[in-house]
N, C-alpha and C. Protein backbone atom coordinates (compact mmCIF):
# COMPACT_ATOMS: atom_id res chain seq x y z
N MET A 1 1.09 -1.31 -0.02
CA MET A 1 -0.28 -0.16 -0.05
C MET A 1 1.29 0.83 0.10
N LYS A 2 0.43 1.95 -0.93
CA LYS A 2 1.32 3.08 -0.88
C LYS A 2 0.38 4.76 -0.50
N ILE A 3 1.31 5.75 0.65
CA ILE A 3 0.00 6.83 0.42
C ILE A 3 0.93 7.78 0.24
N ARG A 4 0.66 8.59 -0.67
CA ARG A 4 1.29 9.74 -0.95
C ARG A 4 0.26 10.91 -0.18
N VAL A 5 1.07 11.99 0.34
CA VAL A 5 0.70 13.42 0.85
C VAL A 5 1.19 14.28 0.10
N GLU A 6 0.62 15.46 -0.50
CA GLU A 6 1.40 16.70 -0.89
C GLU A 6 0.90 17.83 -0.19
N VAL A 7 2.02 18.34 0.15
CA VAL A 7 1.89 19.69 1.18
C VAL A 7 2.11 21.20 0.43
N GLU A 8 1.32 21.57 0.02
CA GLU A 8 1.99 23.51 -0.50
C GLU A 8 2.31 23.91 0.94
N VAL A 9 3.86 24.22 0.87
CA VAL A 9 4.04 25.29 1.58
C VAL A 9 5.22 26.30 1.34
N GLY A 10 5.36 27.32 1.93
CA GLY A 10 6.44 28.24 1.47
C GLY A 10 7.77 28.01 2.39
N PRO A 11 8.79 28.61 2.07
CA PRO A 11 10.19 28.56 2.63
C PRO A 11 9.99 28.95 4.15
N LYS A 12 9.61 29.81 4.49
CA LYS A 12 8.48 30.25 5.44
C LYS A 12 7.93 29.96 6.96
N GLU A 13 7.25 29.23 6.28
CA GLU A 13 6.42 28.32 6.68
C GLU A 13 6.72 27.01 6.94
N LEU A 14 7.57 26.27 6.22
CA LEU A 14 7.89 25.06 6.47
C LEU A 14 9.55 25.59 7.43
N ARG A 15 10.23 26.67 7.80
CA ARG A 15 11.09 26.89 8.59
C ARG A 15 10.36 26.80 9.62
N GLU A 16 9.20 27.81 10.06
CA GLU A 16 8.29 27.53 11.22
C GLU A 16 7.92 26.32 11.78
N PHE A 17 7.30 25.29 10.54
CA PHE A 17 7.21 24.22 11.17
C PHE A 17 7.67 23.17 12.20
N LEU A 18 9.02 23.55 11.21
CA LEU A 18 10.47 22.51 11.80
C LEU A 18 11.05 22.96 13.17
N GLY A 19 10.58 24.43 13.10
CA GLY A 19 11.68 25.25 14.10
C GLY A 19 12.71 25.34 14.02
N LEU A 20 12.91 25.92 13.06
CA LEU A 20 14.38 26.57 12.71
C LEU A 20 14.35 27.73 12.58
N PRO A 21 15.46 28.37 12.73
CA PRO A 21 15.62 29.90 12.75
C PRO A 21 15.18 30.44 11.76
N ASP A 22 14.60 32.06 11.66
CA ASP A 22 14.73 32.72 10.66
C ASP A 22 16.34 33.28 10.02
N VAL A 23 17.15 32.80 9.16
CA VAL A 23 18.44 33.22 8.59
C VAL A 23 18.50 34.36 7.69
N SER A 24 17.37 34.90 7.30
CA SER A 24 17.14 36.14 6.41
C SER A 24 18.37 37.15 7.04
N GLY A 25 18.36 37.48 7.68
CA GLY A 25 19.68 38.71 7.98
C GLY A 25 20.30 38.44 8.27
N LEU A 26 20.92 37.15 8.54
CA LEU A 26 22.45 36.92 8.10
C LEU A 26 22.29 36.73 6.70
N GLN A 27 21.47 35.71 6.14
CA GLN A 27 22.40 35.95 4.27
C GLN A 27 21.95 37.46 3.84
N GLN A 28 21.39 38.10 4.59
CA GLN A 28 21.76 39.70 3.93
C GLN A 28 22.55 39.98 4.32
N ASP A 29 23.27 40.37 5.01
CA ASP A 29 24.71 40.50 5.85
C ASP A 29 25.74 39.88 5.17
N ALA A 30 25.69 38.81 4.93
CA ALA A 30 26.49 38.35 3.93
C ALA A 30 26.39 38.29 2.56
N ILE A 31 25.24 38.83 1.94
CA ILE A 31 25.11 39.40 0.62
C ILE A 31 26.17 40.96 0.78
N GLU A 32 25.59 41.54 1.69
CA GLU A 32 26.57 42.48 1.93
C GLU A 32 27.91 42.98 1.70
N ALA A 33 28.03 42.07 2.81
CA ALA A 33 29.41 42.04 2.54
C ALA A 33 30.62 41.16 1.60
N LEU A 34 29.87 40.01 0.96
CA LEU A 34 30.21 39.87 -0.42
C LEU A 34 30.34 41.09 -1.43
N SER A 35 29.24 42.02 -1.87
CA SER A 35 29.35 43.00 -2.70
C SER A 35 30.32 44.08 -1.92
N LYS A 36 30.75 44.25 -1.00
CA LYS A 36 31.29 45.60 -0.65
C LYS A 36 32.72 44.74 -1.24
N LYS A 37 33.34 43.61 -0.48
CA LYS A 37 34.23 42.94 -1.03
C LYS A 37 34.48 42.73 -2.63
N LEU A 38 33.25 42.38 -3.26
CA LEU A 38 33.64 42.56 -5.03
C LEU A 38 33.85 43.57 -5.17
N ALA A 39 33.25 44.72 -5.04
CA ALA A 39 33.27 46.25 -5.17
C ALA A 39 35.06 46.79 -5.11
N SER A 40 35.52 46.67 -3.65
CA SER A 40 36.92 46.83 -3.44
C SER A 40 37.97 46.47 -4.24
N SER A 41 37.62 45.04 -4.71
CA SER A 41 39.07 44.75 -5.54
C SER A 41 38.14 44.09 -6.74
N LYS A 42 37.79 45.00 -7.40
CA LYS A 42 37.72 44.54 -9.31
C LYS A 42 38.41 44.32 -10.06
N GLU A 43 39.76 45.00 -9.57
CA GLU A 43 40.96 44.71 -10.76
C GLU A 43 41.64 43.30 -10.16
N SER A 44 41.71 43.15 -8.91
CA SER A 44 42.41 42.03 -8.60
C SER A 44 41.60 41.09 -8.24
N LEU A 45 40.84 40.69 -8.88
CA LEU A 45 39.39 39.42 -8.48
C LEU A 45 40.23 38.25 -8.73
N ASP A 46 40.22 37.61 -7.78
CA ASP A 46 40.65 36.06 -7.57
C ASP A 46 39.47 35.39 -7.27
N PRO A 47 38.81 34.10 -7.69
CA PRO A 47 37.51 33.60 -7.49
C PRO A 47 37.97 32.85 -5.99
N LEU A 48 39.56 32.08 -5.92
CA LEU A 48 39.43 31.27 -4.84
C LEU A 48 39.95 32.02 -4.05
N ALA A 49 40.60 33.06 -4.07
CA ALA A 49 41.04 33.80 -2.93
C ALA A 49 39.99 34.63 -2.48
N LEU A 50 38.86 34.30 -3.16
CA LEU A 50 37.41 34.84 -2.37
C LEU A 50 36.74 33.89 -1.78
N LEU A 51 37.01 32.96 -1.85
CA LEU A 51 36.21 31.75 -1.55
C LEU A 51 36.94 31.35 -0.17
N ARG A 52 38.13 31.42 -0.04
CA ARG A 52 39.15 31.29 1.31
C ARG A 52 38.82 32.29 1.87
N GLY A 53 38.38 33.28 1.73
CA GLY A 53 38.47 34.32 2.91
C GLY A 53 37.07 34.08 3.13
N LEU A 54 35.68 33.51 2.53
CA LEU A 54 34.76 32.96 3.15
C LEU A 54 34.58 32.02 4.03
N VAL A 55 35.31 31.00 3.28
CA VAL A 55 34.76 29.31 4.14
C VAL A 55 36.19 29.54 5.17
N PRO A 56 35.42 29.16 6.08
CA PRO A 56 36.62 28.83 7.51
C PRO A 56 37.71 28.29 7.09
N SER A 57 38.54 27.86 8.05
CA SER A 57 39.65 27.35 7.51
C SER A 57 39.53 25.74 7.86
N GLY A 58 38.72 25.48 8.47
CA GLY A 58 38.78 24.23 9.44
C GLY A 58 38.42 23.18 8.51
N LEU A 59 37.84 23.58 7.62
CA LEU A 59 36.89 22.88 6.48
C LEU A 59 37.87 22.15 5.33
N LEU A 60 37.03 21.80 4.66
CA LEU A 60 38.30 21.03 3.42
C LEU A 60 38.72 22.04 2.36
N SER A 61 40.06 21.82 1.84
CA SER A 61 40.03 22.61 0.88
C SER A 61 39.39 22.81 -0.24
N ILE A 62 39.64 23.00 -1.36
CA ILE A 62 39.36 22.90 -2.87
C ILE A 62 39.50 21.23 -3.36
N ASP A 63 41.17 21.49 -2.90
CA ASP A 63 41.48 19.69 -3.50
C ASP A 63 40.76 18.72 -3.00
N GLU A 64 40.51 18.72 -1.65
CA GLU A 64 39.96 17.85 -0.84
C GLU A 64 38.53 17.81 -1.11
N TRP A 65 37.92 18.83 -1.60
CA TRP A 65 36.41 18.77 -2.03
C TRP A 65 36.98 17.92 -3.27
N GLN A 66 37.33 18.27 -3.98
CA GLN A 66 37.07 17.88 -5.36
C GLN A 66 37.64 15.91 -5.16
N LYS A 67 38.72 15.77 -4.68
CA LYS A 67 38.67 14.46 -4.59
C LYS A 67 37.55 13.73 -3.90
N LEU A 68 36.80 14.46 -2.73
CA LEU A 68 35.44 14.01 -1.81
C LEU A 68 34.64 13.44 -2.81
N LEU A 69 34.37 14.52 -3.60
CA LEU A 69 33.03 14.42 -5.44
C LEU A 69 33.24 13.43 -5.87
N LEU A 70 35.02 13.51 -6.25
CA LEU A 70 34.78 11.83 -7.25
C LEU A 70 34.93 11.00 -6.58
N LYS A 71 35.29 10.53 -5.40
CA LYS A 71 35.25 9.47 -4.82
C LYS A 71 33.61 9.31 -4.76
N ALA A 72 33.22 9.61 -4.45
CA ALA A 72 31.62 9.78 -4.37
C ALA A 72 30.64 9.24 -5.66
N ALA A 73 31.40 9.98 -6.86
CA ALA A 73 30.82 9.71 -8.12
C ALA A 73 31.05 8.51 -8.38
N GLN A 74 32.36 8.35 -7.98
CA GLN A 74 32.89 7.04 -8.63
C GLN A 74 31.89 5.98 -7.79
N ASN A 75 31.94 5.94 -6.36
CA ASN A 75 31.18 4.99 -5.73
C ASN A 75 29.74 4.98 -6.01
N LEU A 76 28.86 5.77 -6.50
CA LEU A 76 27.91 6.02 -7.20
C LEU A 76 27.62 4.87 -8.45
N ALA A 77 28.77 5.44 -9.18
CA ALA A 77 29.22 4.54 -10.91
C ALA A 77 28.75 3.06 -9.91
N LYS A 78 29.62 2.56 -9.11
CA LYS A 78 30.18 1.30 -8.88
C LYS A 78 28.68 0.94 -8.42
N ASP A 79 28.05 1.62 -7.41
CA ASP A 79 26.58 1.19 -6.72
C ASP A 79 25.74 0.63 -7.86
N GLY A 80 25.87 1.83 -8.89
CA GLY A 80 24.63 1.24 -9.76
C GLY A 80 25.31 0.38 -11.21
N ASP A 81 26.53 -0.35 -11.16
CA ASP A 81 26.74 -1.16 -11.96
C ASP A 81 26.93 -2.58 -11.57
N GLN A 82 26.41 -2.24 -10.01
CA GLN A 82 25.97 -3.70 -8.82
C GLN A 82 24.36 -3.75 -9.56
N ASP A 83 23.80 -2.77 -8.88
CA ASP A 83 22.02 -2.58 -8.83
C ASP A 83 21.70 -3.34 -10.20
N ALA A 84 22.47 -2.74 -11.79
CA ALA A 84 22.09 -3.47 -12.77
C ALA A 84 22.33 -4.44 -12.78
N ALA A 85 23.36 -4.83 -12.46
CA ALA A 85 23.69 -6.65 -12.61
C ALA A 85 22.74 -7.28 -11.81
N ALA A 86 22.42 -7.05 -10.56
CA ALA A 86 21.00 -7.47 -9.47
C ALA A 86 19.85 -7.52 -10.38
N ALA A 87 19.83 -6.76 -10.79
CA ALA A 87 18.13 -6.59 -11.67
C ALA A 87 18.05 -7.56 -12.89
N LYS A 88 19.16 -7.31 -13.45
CA LYS A 88 19.44 -8.99 -14.91
C LYS A 88 19.32 -10.01 -14.21
N LYS A 89 19.65 -10.49 -12.78
CA LYS A 89 19.70 -11.87 -12.57
C LYS A 89 18.20 -12.01 -12.52
N THR A 90 17.63 -10.39 -11.88
CA THR A 90 15.91 -10.82 -11.33
C THR A 90 15.42 -11.07 -12.27
N ARG A 91 15.80 -10.29 -13.51
CA ARG A 91 14.92 -10.49 -14.51
C ARG A 91 15.29 -11.68 -15.42
N SER A 92 16.49 -12.86 -15.25
CA SER A 92 16.18 -13.55 -15.92
C SER A 92 16.03 -14.82 -15.11
N ARG A 93 15.79 -14.59 -13.88
CA ARG A 93 15.15 -15.81 -13.12
C ARG A 93 13.61 -15.88 -13.13
N LYS A 94 13.16 -14.18 -13.26
CA LYS A 94 11.40 -14.00 -13.71
C LYS A 94 11.34 -15.30 -15.16
N LYS A 95 12.16 -14.43 -16.36
CA LYS A 95 11.93 -15.36 -17.32
C LYS A 95 11.83 -17.09 -17.52
N ARG A 96 12.94 -17.30 -16.16
CA ARG A 96 12.91 -19.08 -16.25
C ARG A 96 11.69 -19.56 -15.85
N ALA A 97 11.05 -18.32 -14.60
CA ALA A 97 10.14 -19.18 -13.96
C ALA A 97 8.80 -18.92 -14.84
N THR A 98 8.40 -17.81 -15.54
CA THR A 98 7.30 -17.55 -16.39
C THR A 98 7.30 -18.85 -17.54
N ALA A 99 8.59 -19.46 -17.58
CA ALA A 99 9.42 -20.39 -19.00
C ALA A 99 7.96 -21.52 -18.38
N ARG A 100 9.07 -22.09 -17.24
CA ARG A 100 8.80 -23.02 -16.37
C ARG A 100 7.06 -23.25 -16.00
N ARG A 101 6.09 -22.42 -15.95
CA ARG A 101 4.88 -22.31 -15.71
C ARG A 101 4.26 -22.76 -17.12
N SER A 102 5.08 -22.18 -18.36
CA SER A 102 3.96 -22.28 -19.75
C SER A 102 4.31 -23.40 -20.59
N ALA A 103 5.43 -24.13 -19.50
CA ALA A 103 5.72 -25.37 -19.91
C ALA A 103 4.57 -26.20 -19.14
N SER A 104 4.56 -25.94 -18.12
CA SER A 104 3.79 -27.00 -17.04
C SER A 104 1.95 -27.38 -17.79
C-alpha cells in the first residue's frame, strides 16, 4: 500500500513548522559583505581567494572537496553497476520461472 501526501508550503512556513531559525538577516549581511568585497577588489579578482576568505579554514580545501566529490561519484557509478547486475539476474530468474509455468 502506498500513501501519498502533497503539501504546499512556502519556505517561511516550513522553517517555522520545523522550528528552524530565520536566517534571512544573516544571509542579507553576508550578501552585503560579499558585494562590498567584490566592489573593492574589481581589478584583482581571484575567485579562489574570495572563497578562501568566506570559508572557515577548518573546512576542507578545494582539492580535498574535489577528491571527495570524485570518490562519491565513483561509488555511485560502482553501486549503479551492481544494481544493474542484480536487476539482470532478477529478470533472468523471472523469465525462467515464467517459462517453467508456461511449459507445465
